[in-house]
Amino acid sequence: MKKYQAGNRVTGVINNITDSGIFVTLPNRHSGLVHHSDFGNNWARERRQYQVGQEVRVVVVHIYKGRFNLSIARVNDPDLVDHDNQFSDTKPAEFDQVLNKVSRDAKKEINELKKVLNKN
């Protein structure tokens, strides 16, 4: 079972929309709230863009006593570091180099797996 922490980006499913905000079910039976304040003064209008059952990308902002505070607006906030993301600590100047290495390593692994499959 995944242990969530602040900064994790997760795709969840909307299970309820209330005046308080959007309740989202996350993988592994966790759930949390995207509070209406996440949408600023536009909550009345913004809430109409969402529907129960819709998948939505959220970021875990805070967890307190098992309650998840989620955000839609801050999904791309670089101040919320996702420690599960292998690229979180990569500096922009190094990103191309790191990405190319990951691509080369993946191709190498795919070729090794193809050899194993071809032997069987």
PDB file of N, CA and C in Angstrom:
ATOM      1  N   MET A   1       0.840  -1.185   0.000  1.00  0.00           N
ATOM      2  CA  MET A   1       0.000   0.000   0.000  1.00  0.00           C
ATOM      3  C   MET A   1       0.882   1.244   0.000  1.00  0.00           C
ATOM      4  N   LYS A   2       0.600   2.175  -0.885  1.00  0.00           N
ATOM      5  CA  LYS A   2       1.390   3.394  -1.014  1.00  0.00           C
ATOM      6  C   LYS A   2       1.201   4.293   0.198  1.00  0.00           C
ATOM      7  N   LYS A   3       2.318   4.830   0.678  1.00  0.00           N
ATOM      8  CA  LYS A   3       2.262   5.821   1.742  1.00  0.00           C
ATOM      9  C   LYS A   3       2.458   7.184   1.085  1.00  0.00           C
ATOM     10  N   TYR A   4       1.454   8.007   1.178  1.00  0.00           N
ATOM     11  CA  TYR A   4       1.502   9.316   0.540  1.00  0.00           C
ATOM     12  C   TYR A   4       2.254  10.315   1.410  1.00  0.00           C
ATOM     13  N   GLN A   5       2.828  11.314   0.732  1.00  0.00           N
ATOM     14  CA  GLN A   5       3.445  12.420   1.442  1.00  0.00           C
ATOM     15  C   GLN A   5       3.206  13.698   0.640  1.00  0.00           C
ATOM     16  N   ALA A   6       3.384  14.834   1.295  1.00  0.00           N
ATOM     17  CA  ALA A   6       3.188  16.120   0.630  1.00  0.00           C
ATOM     18  C   ALA A   6       4.066  16.192  -0.611  1.00  0.00           C
ATOM     19  N   GLY A   7       3.486  16.670  -1.692  1.00  0.00           N
ATOM     20  CA  GLY A   7       4.202  16.805  -2.954  1.00  0.00           C
ATOM     21  C   GLY A   7       3.859  15.736  -3.964  1.00  0.00           C
ATOM     22  N   ASN A   8       3.308  14.613  -3.510  1.00  0.00           N
ATOM     23  CA  ASN A   8       2.945  13.552  -4.460  1.00  0.00           C
ATOM     24  C   ASN A   8       1.870  14.050  -5.420  1.00  0.00           C
ATOM     25  N   ARG A   9       2.104  13.810  -6.708  1.00  0.00           N
ATOM     26  CA  ARG A   9       1.094  14.084  -7.730  1.00  0.00           C
ATOM     27  C   ARG A   9       0.371  12.778  -7.990  1.00  0.00           C
ATOM     28  N   VAL A  10      -0.957  12.821  -7.962  1.00  0.00           N
ATOM     29  CA  VAL A  10      -1.757  11.612  -8.036  1.00  0.00           C
ATOM     30  C   VAL A  10      -2.982  11.869  -8.909  1.00  0.00           C
ATOM     31  N   THR A  11      -3.402  10.859  -9.653  1.00  0.00           N
ATOM     32  CA  THR A  11      -4.661  10.930 -10.370  1.00  0.00           C
ATOM     33  C   THR A  11      -5.711  10.237  -9.523  1.00  0.00           C
ATOM     34  N   GLY A  12      -6.769  10.962  -9.227  1.00  0.00           N
ATOM     35  CA  GLY A  12      -7.855  10.411  -8.422  1.00  0.00           C
ATOM     36  C   GLY A  12      -9.173  10.577  -9.152  1.00  0.00           C
ATOM     37  N   VAL A  13     -10.241  10.135  -8.493  1.00  0.00           N
ATOM     38  CA  VAL A  13     -11.579  10.213  -9.075  1.00  0.00           C
ATOM     39  C   VAL A  13     -12.461  11.040  -8.139  1.00  0.00           C
ATOM     40  N   ILE A  14     -13.171  11.995  -8.703  1.00  0.00           N
ATOM     41  CA  ILE A  14     -14.071  12.839  -7.916  1.00  0.00           C
ATOM     42  C   ILE A  14     -15.227  11.983  -7.422  1.00  0.00           C
ATOM     43  N   ASN A  15     -15.457  11.999  -6.094  1.00  0.00           N
ATOM     44  CA  ASN A  15     -16.575  11.217  -5.561  1.00  0.00           C
ATOM     45  C   ASN A  15     -17.696  12.096  -5.011  1.00  0.00           C
ATOM     46  N   ASN A  16     -17.418  13.408  -4.834  1.00  0.00           N
ATOM     47  CA  ASN A  16     -18.465  14.305  -4.360  1.00  0.00           C
ATOM     48  C   ASN A  16     -18.032  15.746  -4.588  1.00  0.00           C
ATOM     49  N   ILE A  17     -18.989  16.607  -4.853  1.00  0.00           N
ATOM     50  CA  ILE A  17     -18.743  18.035  -4.991  1.00  0.00           C
ATOM     51  C   ILE A  17     -19.743  18.746  -4.082  1.00  0.00           C
ATOM     52  N   THR A  18     -19.207  19.502  -3.129  1.00  0.00           N
ATOM     53  CA  THR A  18     -20.058  20.204  -2.156  1.00  0.00           C
ATOM     54  C   THR A  18     -19.649  21.667  -2.094  1.00  0.00           C
ATOM     55  N   ASP A  19     -20.317  22.416  -1.235  1.00  0.00           N
ATOM     56  CA  ASP A  19     -19.934  23.814  -1.035  1.00  0.00           C
ATOM     57  C   ASP A  19     -18.529  23.914  -0.458  1.00  0.00           C
ATOM     58  N   SER A  20     -18.068  22.867   0.232  1.00  0.00           N
ATOM     59  CA  SER A  20     -16.718  22.861   0.820  1.00  0.00           C
ATOM     60  C   SER A  20     -15.634  22.666  -0.223  1.00  0.00           C
ATOM     61  N   GLY A  21     -15.950  21.954  -1.293  1.00  0.00           N
ATOM     62  CA  GLY A  21     -14.967  21.696  -2.326  1.00  0.00           C
ATOM     63  C   GLY A  21     -15.212  20.375  -3.019  1.00  0.00           C
ATOM     64  N   ILE A  22     -14.140  19.822  -3.563  1.00  0.00           N
ATOM     65  CA  ILE A  22     -14.211  18.581  -4.343  1.00  0.00           C
ATOM     66  C   ILE A  22     -13.552  17.463  -3.544  1.00  0.00           C
ATOM     67  N   PHE A  23     -14.297  16.406  -3.276  1.00  0.00           N
ATOM     68  CA  PHE A  23     -13.757  15.238  -2.590  1.00  0.00           C
ATOM     69  C   PHE A  23     -13.252  14.259  -3.645  1.00  0.00           C
ATOM     70  N   VAL A  24     -12.009  13.820  -3.486  1.00  0.00           N
ATOM     71  CA  VAL A  24     -11.346  12.980  -4.470  1.00  0.00           C
ATOM     72  C   VAL A  24     -10.891  11.682  -3.819  1.00  0.00           C
ATOM     73  N   THR A  25     -11.202  10.563  -4.469  1.00  0.00           N
ATOM     74  CA  THR A  25     -10.716   9.263  -4.018  1.00  0.00           C
ATOM     75  C   THR A  25      -9.408   8.982  -4.736  1.00  0.00           C
ATOM     76  N   LEU A  26      -8.369   8.699  -3.944  1.00  0.00           N
ATOM     77  CA  LEU A  26      -7.043   8.403  -4.466  1.00  0.00           C
ATOM     78  C   LEU A  26      -6.847   6.895  -4.511  1.00  0.00           C
ATOM     79  N   PRO A  27      -5.832   6.434  -5.244  1.00  0.00           N
ATOM     80  CA  PRO A  27      -5.541   4.999  -5.233  1.00  0.00           C
ATOM     81  C   PRO A  27      -5.292   4.501  -3.803  1.00  0.00           C
ATOM     82  N   ASN A  28      -5.538   3.243  -3.574  1.00  0.00           N
ATOM     83  CA  ASN A  28      -5.347   2.578  -2.280  1.00  0.00           C
ATOM     84  C   ASN A  28      -6.315   3.086  -1.217  1.00  0.00           C
ATOM     85  N   ARG A  29      -7.515   3.412  -1.643  1.00  0.00           N
ATOM     86  CA  ARG A  29      -8.615   3.755  -0.747  1.00  0.00           C
ATOM     87  C   ARG A  29      -8.393   4.988   0.124  1.00  0.00           C
ATOM     88  N   HIS A  30      -7.543   5.871  -0.292  1.00  0.00           N
ATOM     89  CA  HIS A  30      -7.387   7.139   0.411  1.00  0.00           C
ATOM     90  C   HIS A  30      -8.269   8.163  -0.279  1.00  0.00           C
ATOM     91  N   SER A  31      -8.638   9.193   0.460  1.00  0.00           N
ATOM     92  CA  SER A  31      -9.403  10.269  -0.159  1.00  0.00           C
ATOM     93  C   SER A  31      -9.015  11.586   0.489  1.00  0.00           C
ATOM     94  N   GLY A  32      -9.344  12.650  -0.189  1.00  0.00           N
ATOM     95  CA  GLY A  32      -9.011  13.964   0.326  1.00  0.00           C
ATOM     96  C   GLY A  32      -9.911  15.018  -0.274  1.00  0.00           C
ATOM     97  N   LEU A  33      -9.674  16.245   0.174  1.00  0.00           N
ATOM     98  CA  LEU A  33     -10.504  17.376  -0.227  1.00  0.00           C
ATOM     99  C   LEU A  33      -9.668  18.423  -0.934  1.00  0.00           C
ATOM    100  N   VAL A  34     -10.158  18.852  -2.094  1.00  0.00           N
ATOM    101  CA  VAL A  34      -9.653  20.061  -2.743  1.00  0.00           C
ATOM    102  C   VAL A  34     -10.587  21.159  -2.252  1.00  0.00           C
ATOM    103  N   HIS A  35     -10.131  21.952  -1.286  1.00  0.00           N
ATOM    104  CA  HIS A  35     -10.978  22.967  -0.661  1.00  0.00           C
ATOM    105  C   HIS A  35     -11.375  24.031  -1.690  1.00  0.00           C
ATOM    106  N   HIS A  36     -12.563  24.578  -1.521  1.00  0.00           N
ATOM    107  CA  HIS A  36     -13.058  25.585  -2.473  1.00  0.00           C
ATOM    108  C   HIS A  36     -12.104  26.774  -2.603  1.00  0.00           C
ATOM    109  N   SER A  37     -11.312  27.052  -1.573  1.00  0.00           N
ATOM    110  CA  SER A  37     -10.376  28.185  -1.633  1.00  0.00           C
ATOM    111  C   SER A  37      -9.265  27.954  -2.656  1.00  0.00           C
ATOM    112  N   ASP A  38      -9.071  26.699  -3.087  1.00  0.00           N
ATOM    113  CA  ASP A  38      -8.089  26.378  -4.122  1.00  0.00           C
ATOM    114  C   ASP A  38      -8.432  27.097  -5.431  1.00  0.00           C
ATOM    115  N   PHE A  39      -9.693  27.455  -5.596  1.00  0.00           N
ATOM    116  CA  PHE A  39     -10.171  28.087  -6.825  1.00  0.00           C
ATOM    117  C   PHE A  39     -10.332  29.599  -6.671  1.00  0.00           C
ATOM    118  N   GLY A  40      -9.894  30.146  -5.537  1.00  0.00           N
ATOM    119  CA  GLY A  40     -10.013  31.588  -5.301  1.00  0.00           C
ATOM    120  C   GLY A  40     -11.468  32.009  -5.250  1.00  0.00           C
ATOM    121  N   ASN A  41     -11.750  33.149  -5.841  1.00  0.00           N
ATOM    122  CA  ASN A  41     -13.120  33.681  -5.845  1.00  0.00           C
ATOM    123  C   ASN A  41     -13.982  33.065  -6.937  1.00  0.00           C
ATOM    124  N   ASN A  42     -13.432  32.112  -7.690  1.00  0.00           N
ATOM    125  CA  ASN A  42     -14.137  31.540  -8.834  1.00  0.00           C
ATOM    126  C   ASN A  42     -14.828  30.215  -8.524  1.00  0.00           C
ATOM    127  N   TRP A  43     -14.951  29.820  -7.269  1.00  0.00           N
ATOM    128  CA  TRP A  43     -15.480  28.511  -6.917  1.00  0.00           C
ATOM    129  C   TRP A  43     -16.861  28.257  -7.513  1.00  0.00           C
ATOM    130  N   ALA A  44     -17.751  29.233  -7.418  1.00  0.00           N
ATOM    131  CA  ALA A  44     -19.118  29.030  -7.925  1.00  0.00           C
ATOM    132  C   ALA A  44     -19.107  28.675  -9.409  1.00  0.00           C
ATOM    133  N   ARG A  45     -18.238  29.312 -10.167  1.00  0.00           N
ATOM    134  CA  ARG A  45     -18.155  29.035 -11.607  1.00  0.00           C
ATOM    135  C   ARG A  45     -17.323  27.778 -11.879  1.00  0.00           C
ATOM    136  N   GLU A  46     -16.187  27.644 -11.207  1.00  0.00           N
ATOM    137  CA  GLU A  46     -15.262  26.530 -11.445  1.00  0.00           C
ATOM    138  C   GLU A  46     -15.885  25.170 -11.133  1.00  0.00           C
ATOM    139  N   ARG A  47     -16.694  25.103 -10.089  1.00  0.00           N
ATOM    140  CA  ARG A  47     -17.246  23.802  -9.685  1.00  0.00           C
ATOM    141  C   ARG A  47     -18.083  23.159 -10.779  1.00  0.00           C
ATOM    142  N   ARG A  48     -18.630  23.958 -11.684  1.00  0.00           N
ATOM    143  CA  ARG A  48     -19.450  23.426 -12.780  1.00  0.00           C
ATOM    144  C   ARG A  48     -18.614  22.687 -13.824  1.00  0.00           C
ATOM    145  N   GLN A  49     -17.280  22.879 -13.793  1.00  0.00           N
ATOM    146  CA  GLN A  49     -16.401  22.207 -14.753  1.00  0.00           C
ATOM    147  C   GLN A  49     -16.105  20.762 -14.340  1.00  0.00           C
ATOM    148  N   TYR A  50     -16.486  20.395 -13.124  1.00  0.00           N
ATOM    149  CA  TYR A  50     -16.158  19.079 -12.600  1.00  0.00           C
ATOM    150  C   TYR A  50     -17.413  18.255 -12.374  1.00  0.00           C
ATOM    151  N   GLN A  51     -17.249  16.921 -12.498  1.00  0.00           N
ATOM    152  CA  GLN A  51     -18.376  16.012 -12.320  1.00  0.00           C
ATOM    153  C   GLN A  51     -17.937  14.813 -11.484  1.00  0.00           C
ATOM    154  N   VAL A  52     -18.869  14.271 -10.719  1.00  0.00           N
ATOM    155  CA  VAL A  52     -18.617  13.046  -9.969  1.00  0.00           C
ATOM    156  C   VAL A  52     -18.239  11.949 -10.962  1.00  0.00           C
ATOM    157  N   GLY A  53     -17.190  11.197 -10.658  1.00  0.00           N
ATOM    158  CA  GLY A  53     -16.710  10.129 -11.524  1.00  0.00           C
ATOM    159  C   GLY A  53     -15.584  10.561 -12.449  1.00  0.00           C
ATOM    160  N   GLN A  54     -15.335  11.854 -12.544  1.00  0.00           N
ATOM    161  CA  GLN A  54     -14.282  12.391 -13.407  1.00  0.00           C
ATOM    162  C   GLN A  54     -12.913  12.169 -12.776  1.00  0.00           C
ATOM    163  N   GLU A  55     -11.947  11.765 -13.617  1.00  0.00           N
ATOM    164  CA  GLU A  55     -10.564  11.665 -13.150  1.00  0.00           C
ATOM    165  C   GLU A  55      -9.970  13.062 -13.099  1.00  0.00           C
ATOM    166  N   VAL A  56      -9.165  13.309 -12.066  1.00  0.00           N
ATOM    167  CA  VAL A  56      -8.557  14.614 -11.908  1.00  0.00           C
ATOM    168  C   VAL A  56      -7.156  14.452 -11.319  1.00  0.00           C
ATOM    169  N   ARG A  57      -6.235  15.254 -11.798  1.00  0.00           N
ATOM    170  CA  ARG A  57      -4.850  15.224 -11.302  1.00  0.00           C
ATOM    171  C   ARG A  57      -4.754  16.201 -10.139  1.00  0.00           C
ATOM    172  N   VAL A  58      -4.250  15.736  -9.000  1.00  0.00           N
ATOM    173  CA  VAL A  58      -4.128  16.565  -7.802  1.00  0.00           C
ATOM    174  C   VAL A  58      -2.730  16.418  -7.215  1.00  0.00           C
ATOM    175  N   VAL A  59      -2.378  17.348  -6.342  1.00  0.00           N
ATOM    176  CA  VAL A  59      -1.145  17.247  -5.581  1.00  0.00           C
ATOM    177  C   VAL A  59      -1.526  17.206  -4.102  1.00  0.00           C
ATOM    178  N   VAL A  60      -0.835  16.347  -3.347  1.00  0.00           N
ATOM    179  CA  VAL A  60      -1.043  16.283  -1.905  1.00  0.00           C
ATOM    180  C   VAL A  60      -0.307  17.473  -1.302  1.00  0.00           C
ATOM    181  N   VAL A  61      -1.059  18.369  -0.664  1.00  0.00           N
ATOM    182  CA  VAL A  61      -0.468  19.563  -0.066  1.00  0.00           C
ATOM    183  C   VAL A  61      -0.084  19.298   1.382  1.00  0.00           C
ATOM    184  N   HIS A  62      -0.956  18.581   2.096  1.00  0.00           N
ATOM    185  CA  HIS A  62      -0.737  18.359   3.528  1.00  0.00           C
ATOM    186  C   HIS A  62      -1.550  17.150   3.977  1.00  0.00           C
ATOM    187  N   ILE A  63      -1.004  16.402   4.921  1.00  0.00           N
ATOM    188  CA  ILE A  63      -1.733  15.282   5.525  1.00  0.00           C
ATOM    189  C   ILE A  63      -1.691  15.484   7.026  1.00  0.00           C
ATOM    190  N   TYR A  64      -2.870  15.485   7.652  1.00  0.00           N
ATOM    191  CA  TYR A  64      -2.941  15.652   9.103  1.00  0.00           C
ATOM    192  C   TYR A  64      -3.967  14.679   9.651  1.00  0.00           C
ATOM    193  N   LYS A  65      -3.509  13.786  10.533  1.00  0.00           N
ATOM    194  CA  LYS A  65      -4.379  12.774  11.139  1.00  0.00           C
ATOM    195  C   LYS A  65      -5.169  12.002  10.095  1.00  0.00           C
ATOM    196  N   GLY A  66      -4.494  11.632   9.009  1.00  0.00           N
ATOM    197  CA  GLY A  66      -5.119  10.838   7.972  1.00  0.00           C
ATOM    198  C   GLY A  66      -5.994  11.609   7.006  1.00  0.00           C
ATOM    199  N   ARG A  67      -6.099  12.924   7.197  1.00  0.00           N
ATOM    200  CA  ARG A  67      -6.912  13.754   6.304  1.00  0.00           C
ATOM    201  C   ARG A  67      -6.000  14.406   5.271  1.00  0.00           C
ATOM    202  N   PHE A  68      -6.371  14.248   4.022  1.00  0.00           N
ATOM    203  CA  PHE A  68      -5.563  14.729   2.914  1.00  0.00           C
ATOM    204  C   PHE A  68      -6.079  16.074   2.420  1.00  0.00           C
ATOM    205  N   ASN A  69      -5.200  17.074   2.417  1.00  0.00           N
ATOM    206  CA  ASN A  69      -5.498  18.370   1.828  1.00  0.00           C
ATOM    207  C   ASN A  69      -4.898  18.327   0.429  1.00  0.00           C
ATOM    208  N   LEU A  70      -5.745  18.420  -0.594  1.00  0.00           N
ATOM    209  CA  LEU A  70      -5.319  18.300  -1.981  1.00  0.00           C
ATOM    210  C   LEU A  70      -5.468  19.631  -2.704  1.00  0.00           C
ATOM    211  N   SER A  71      -4.787  19.749  -3.829  1.00  0.00           N
ATOM    212  CA  SER A  71      -4.919  20.942  -4.656  1.00  0.00           C
ATOM    213  C   SER A  71      -4.897  20.551  -6.122  1.00  0.00           C
ATOM    214  N   ILE A  72      -5.727  21.217  -6.892  1.00  0.00           N
ATOM    215  CA  ILE A  72      -5.692  21.108  -8.348  1.00  0.00           C
ATOM    216  C   ILE A  72      -4.844  22.258  -8.894  1.00  0.00           C
ATOM    217  N   ALA A  73      -5.024  23.437  -8.313  1.00  0.00           N
ATOM    218  CA  ALA A  73      -4.336  24.639  -8.795  1.00  0.00           C
ATOM    219  C   ALA A  73      -2.818  24.541  -8.644  1.00  0.00           C
ATOM    220  N   ARG A  74      -2.341  23.770  -7.655  1.00  0.00           N
ATOM    221  CA  ARG A  74      -0.909  23.725  -7.379  1.00  0.00           C
ATOM    222  C   ARG A  74      -0.204  22.485  -7.928  1.00  0.00           C
ATOM    223  N   VAL A  75      -0.843  21.759  -8.837  1.00  0.00           N
ATOM    224  CA  VAL A  75      -0.236  20.545  -9.392  1.00  0.00           C
ATOM    225  C   VAL A  75       1.138  20.824  -9.990  1.00  0.00           C
ATOM    226  N   ASN A  76       1.311  21.972 -10.617  1.00  0.00           N
ATOM    227  CA  ASN A  76       2.593  22.305 -11.250  1.00  0.00           C
ATOM    228  C   ASN A  76       3.463  23.218 -10.400  1.00  0.00           C
ATOM    229  N   ASP A  77       3.157  23.349  -9.108  1.00  0.00           N
ATOM    230  CA  ASP A  77       3.916  24.212  -8.206  1.00  0.00           C
ATOM    231  C   ASP A  77       5.268  23.571  -7.896  1.00  0.00           C
ATOM    232  N   PRO A  78       6.381  24.187  -8.335  1.00  0.00           N
ATOM    233  CA  PRO A  78       7.699  23.590  -8.096  1.00  0.00           C
ATOM    234  C   PRO A  78       8.102  23.598  -6.622  1.00  0.00           C
ATOM    235  N   ASP A  79       7.419  24.381  -5.792  1.00  0.00           N
ATOM    236  CA  ASP A  79       7.736  24.399  -4.362  1.00  0.00           C
ATOM    237  C   ASP A  79       7.221  23.144  -3.651  1.00  0.00           C
ATOM    238  N   LEU A  80       6.277  22.437  -4.267  1.00  0.00           N
ATOM    239  CA  LEU A  80       5.786  21.176  -3.725  1.00  0.00           C
ATOM    240  C   LEU A  80       6.543  20.050  -4.423  1.00  0.00           C
ATOM    241  N   VAL A  81       7.636  19.628  -3.845  1.00  0.00           N
ATOM    242  CA  VAL A  81       8.510  18.634  -4.456  1.00  0.00           C
ATOM    243  C   VAL A  81       7.935  17.242  -4.250  1.00  0.00           C
ATOM    244  N   ASP A  82       7.807  16.501  -5.344  1.00  0.00           N
ATOM    245  CA  ASP A  82       7.342  15.110  -5.298  1.00  0.00           C
ATOM    246  C   ASP A  82       8.564  14.206  -5.184  1.00  0.00           C
ATOM    247  N   HIS A  83       8.799  13.683  -4.001  1.00  0.00           N
ATOM    248  CA  HIS A  83       9.989  12.877  -3.757  1.00  0.00           C
ATOM    249  C   HIS A  83       9.947  11.521  -4.453  1.00  0.00           C
ATOM    250  N   ASP A  84       8.791  11.143  -4.991  1.00  0.00           N
ATOM    251  CA  ASP A  84       8.682   9.903  -5.761  1.00  0.00           C
ATOM    252  C   ASP A  84       9.076  10.111  -7.222  1.00  0.00           C
ATOM    253  N   ASN A  85       9.247  11.366  -7.629  1.00  0.00           N
ATOM    254  CA  ASN A  85       9.596  11.690  -9.013  1.00  0.00           C
ATOM    255  C   ASN A  85      11.113  11.691  -9.155  1.00  0.00           C
ATOM    256  N   GLN A  86      11.633  10.828  -9.996  1.00  0.00           N
ATOM    257  CA  GLN A  86      13.086  10.693 -10.144  1.00  0.00           C
ATOM    258  C   GLN A  86      13.748  11.948 -10.701  1.00  0.00           C
ATOM    259  N   PHE A  87      12.967  12.864 -11.251  1.00  0.00           N
ATOM    260  CA  PHE A  87      13.530  14.076 -11.843  1.00  0.00           C
ATOM    261  C   PHE A  87      13.397  15.299 -10.936  1.00  0.00           C
ATOM    262  N   SER A  88      12.867  15.134  -9.729  1.00  0.00           N
ATOM    263  CA  SER A  88      12.616  16.275  -8.849  1.00  0.00           C
ATOM    264  C   SER A  88      13.857  17.096  -8.542  1.00  0.00           C
ATOM    265  N   ASP A  89      14.992  16.439  -8.400  1.00  0.00           N
ATOM    266  CA  ASP A  89      16.207  17.154  -8.022  1.00  0.00           C
ATOM    267  C   ASP A  89      17.065  17.554  -9.224  1.00  0.00           C
ATOM    268  N   THR A  90      16.566  17.303 -10.427  1.00  0.00           N
ATOM    269  CA  THR A  90      17.323  17.620 -11.630  1.00  0.00           C
ATOM    270  C   THR A  90      17.233  19.111 -11.927  1.00  0.00           C
ATOM    271  N   LYS A  91      18.392  19.721 -12.102  1.00  0.00           N
ATOM    272  CA  LYS A  91      18.429  21.140 -12.445  1.00  0.00           C
ATOM    273  C   LYS A  91      18.045  21.306 -13.916  1.00  0.00           C
ATOM    274  N   PRO A  92      17.367  22.400 -14.263  1.00  0.00           N
ATOM    275  CA  PRO A  92      16.932  22.600 -15.653  1.00  0.00           C
ATOM    276  C   PRO A  92      18.061  22.434 -16.676  1.00  0.00           C
ATOM    277  N   ALA A  93      19.250  22.900 -16.342  1.00  0.00           N
ATOM    278  CA  ALA A  93      20.372  22.814 -17.286  1.00  0.00           C
ATOM    279  C   ALA A  93      20.808  21.368 -17.530  1.00  0.00           C
ATOM    280  N   GLU A  94      20.525  20.477 -16.576  1.00  0.00           N
ATOM    281  CA  GLU A  94      20.936  19.074 -16.681  1.00  0.00           C
ATOM    282  C   GLU A  94      19.826  18.180 -17.209  1.00  0.00           C
ATOM    283  N   PHE A  95      18.613  18.735 -17.395  1.00  0.00           N
ATOM    284  CA  PHE A  95      17.460  17.899 -17.700  1.00  0.00           C
ATOM    285  C   PHE A  95      17.631  17.117 -18.995  1.00  0.00           C
ATOM    286  N   ASP A  96      18.103  17.768 -20.069  1.00  0.00           N
ATOM    287  CA  ASP A  96      18.299  17.068 -21.350  1.00  0.00           C
ATOM    288  C   ASP A  96      19.260  15.895 -21.195  1.00  0.00           C
ATOM    289  N   GLN A  97      20.343  16.114 -20.487  1.00  0.00           N
ATOM    290  CA  GLN A  97      21.348  15.067 -20.277  1.00  0.00           C
ATOM    291  C   GLN A  97      20.757  13.898 -19.494  1.00  0.00           C
ATOM    292  N   VAL A  98      20.036  14.198 -18.438  1.00  0.00           N
ATOM    293  CA  VAL A  98      19.428  13.145 -17.613  1.00  0.00           C
ATOM    294  C   VAL A  98      18.367  12.389 -18.413  1.00  0.00           C
ATOM    295  N   LEU A  99      17.546  13.125 -19.155  1.00  0.00           N
ATOM    296  CA  LEU A  99      16.500  12.492 -19.951  1.00  0.00           C
ATOM    297  C   LEU A  99      17.091  11.588 -21.026  1.00  0.00           C
ATOM    298  N   ASN A 100      18.150  12.031 -21.683  1.00  0.00           N
ATOM    299  CA  ASN A 100      18.820  11.205 -22.690  1.00  0.00           C
ATOM    300  C   ASN A 100      19.384   9.931 -22.076  1.00  0.00           C
ATOM    301  N   LYS A 101      19.938  10.026 -20.873  1.00  0.00           N
ATOM    302  CA  LYS A 101      20.471   8.840 -20.192  1.00  0.00           C
ATOM    303  C   LYS A 101      19.338   7.862 -19.867  1.00  0.00           C
ATOM    304  N   VAL A 102      18.235   8.383 -19.358  1.00  0.00           N
ATOM    305  CA  VAL A 102      17.087   7.524 -19.047  1.00  0.00           C
ATOM    306  C   VAL A 102      16.594   6.837 -20.315  1.00  0.00           C
ATOM    307  N   SER A 103      16.548   7.564 -21.412  1.00  0.00           N
ATOM    308  CA  SER A 103      16.106   7.000 -22.687  1.00  0.00           C
ATOM    309  C   SER A 103      17.062   5.898 -23.158  1.00  0.00           C
ATOM    310  N   ARG A 104      18.364   6.155 -23.081  1.00  0.00           N
ATOM    311  CA  ARG A 104      19.351   5.141 -23.483  1.00  0.00           C
ATOM    312  C   ARG A 104      19.233   3.896 -22.608  1.00  0.00           C
ATOM    313  N   ASP A 105      19.109   4.103 -21.296  1.00  0.00           N
ATOM    314  CA  ASP A 105      18.983   2.971 -20.371  1.00  0.00           C
ATOM    315  C   ASP A 105      17.723   2.161 -20.660  1.00  0.00           C
ATOM    316  N   ALA A 106      16.630   2.846 -20.980  1.00  0.00           N
ATOM    317  CA  ALA A 106      15.376   2.155 -21.278  1.00  0.00           C
ATOM    318  C   ALA A 106      15.500   1.328 -22.553  1.00  0.00           C
ATOM    319  N   LYS A 107      16.117   1.905 -23.582  1.00  0.00           N
ATOM    320  CA  LYS A 107      16.309   1.168 -24.831  1.00  0.00           C
ATOM    321  C   LYS A 107      17.175  -0.068 -24.609  1.00  0.00           C
ATOM    322  N   LYS A 108      18.219   0.084 -23.800  1.00  0.00           N
ATOM    323  CA  LYS A 108      19.092  -1.039 -23.495  1.00  0.00           C
ATOM    324  C   LYS A 108      18.311  -2.149 -22.775  1.00  0.00           C
ATOM    325  N   GLU A 109      17.504  -1.757 -21.811  1.00  0.00           N
ATOM    326  CA  GLU A 109      16.695  -2.725 -21.057  1.00  0.00           C
ATOM    327  C   GLU A 109      15.685  -3.420 -21.968  1.00  0.00           C
ATOM    328  N   ILE A 110      15.064  -2.672 -22.870  1.00  0.00           N
ATOM    329  CA  ILE A 110      14.106  -3.257 -23.816  1.00  0.00           C
ATOM    330  C   ILE A 110      14.798  -4.280 -24.709  1.00  0.00           C
ATOM    331  N   ASN A 111      15.983  -3.952 -25.190  1.00  0.00           N
ATOM    332  CA  ASN A 111      16.732  -4.891 -26.035  1.00  0.00           C
ATOM    333  C   ASN A 111      17.104  -6.152 -25.274  1.00  0.00           C
ATOM    334  N   GLU A 112      17.488  -6.007 -24.010  1.00  0.00           N
ATOM    335  CA  GLU A 112      17.810  -7.182 -23.183  1.00  0.00           C
ATOM    336  C   GLU A 112      16.565  -8.063 -23.003  1.00  0.00           C
ATOM    337  N   LEU A 113      15.420  -7.432 -22.755  1.00  0.00           N
ATOM    338  CA  LEU A 113      14.192  -8.204 -22.595  1.00  0.00           C
ATOM    339  C   LEU A 113      13.786  -8.902 -23.891  1.00  0.00           C
ATOM    340  N   LYS A 114      14.006  -8.249 -25.009  1.00  0.00           N
ATOM    341  CA  LYS A 114      13.700  -8.872 -26.305  1.00  0.00           C
ATOM    342  C   LYS A 114      14.569 -10.116 -26.513  1.00  0.00           C
ATOM    343  N   LYS A 115      15.844 -10.034 -26.118  1.00  0.00           N
ATOM    344  CA  LYS A 115      16.735 -11.197 -26.252  1.00  0.00           C
ATOM    345  C   LYS A 115      16.230 -12.349 -25.407  1.00  0.00           C
ATOM    346  N   VAL A 116      15.818 -12.055 -24.189  1.00  0.00           N
ATOM    347  CA  VAL A 116      15.297 -13.098 -23.291  1.00  0.00           C
ATOM    348  C   VAL A 116      14.034 -13.715 -23.885  1.00  0.00           C
ATOM    349  N   LEU A 117      13.156 -12.885 -24.387  1.00  0.00           N
ATOM    350  CA  LEU A 117      11.897 -13.393 -24.971  1.00  0.00           C
ATOM    351  C   LEU A 117      12.156 -14.217 -26.226  1.00  0.00           C
ATOM    352  N   ASN A 118      13.123 -13.821 -27.028  1.00  0.00           N
ATOM    353  CA  ASN A 118      13.426 -14.554 -28.243  1.00  0.00           C
ATOM    354  C   ASN A 118      14.049 -15.922 -27.979  1.00  0.00           C
ATOM    355  N   LYS A 119      14.698 -16.069 -26.824  1.00  0.00           N
ATOM    356  CA  LYS A 119      15.288 -17.357 -26.446  1.00  0.00           C
ATOM    357  C   LYS A 119      14.205 -18.347 -26.042  1.00  0.00           C
ATOM    358  N   ASN A 120      13.090 -17.838 -25.589  1.00  0.00           N
ATOM    359  CA  ASN A 120      12.011 -18.730 -25.117  1.00  0.00           C
ATOM    360  C   ASN A 120      11.134 -19.061 -26.237  1.00  0.00           C
TER     361      ASN A 120
END
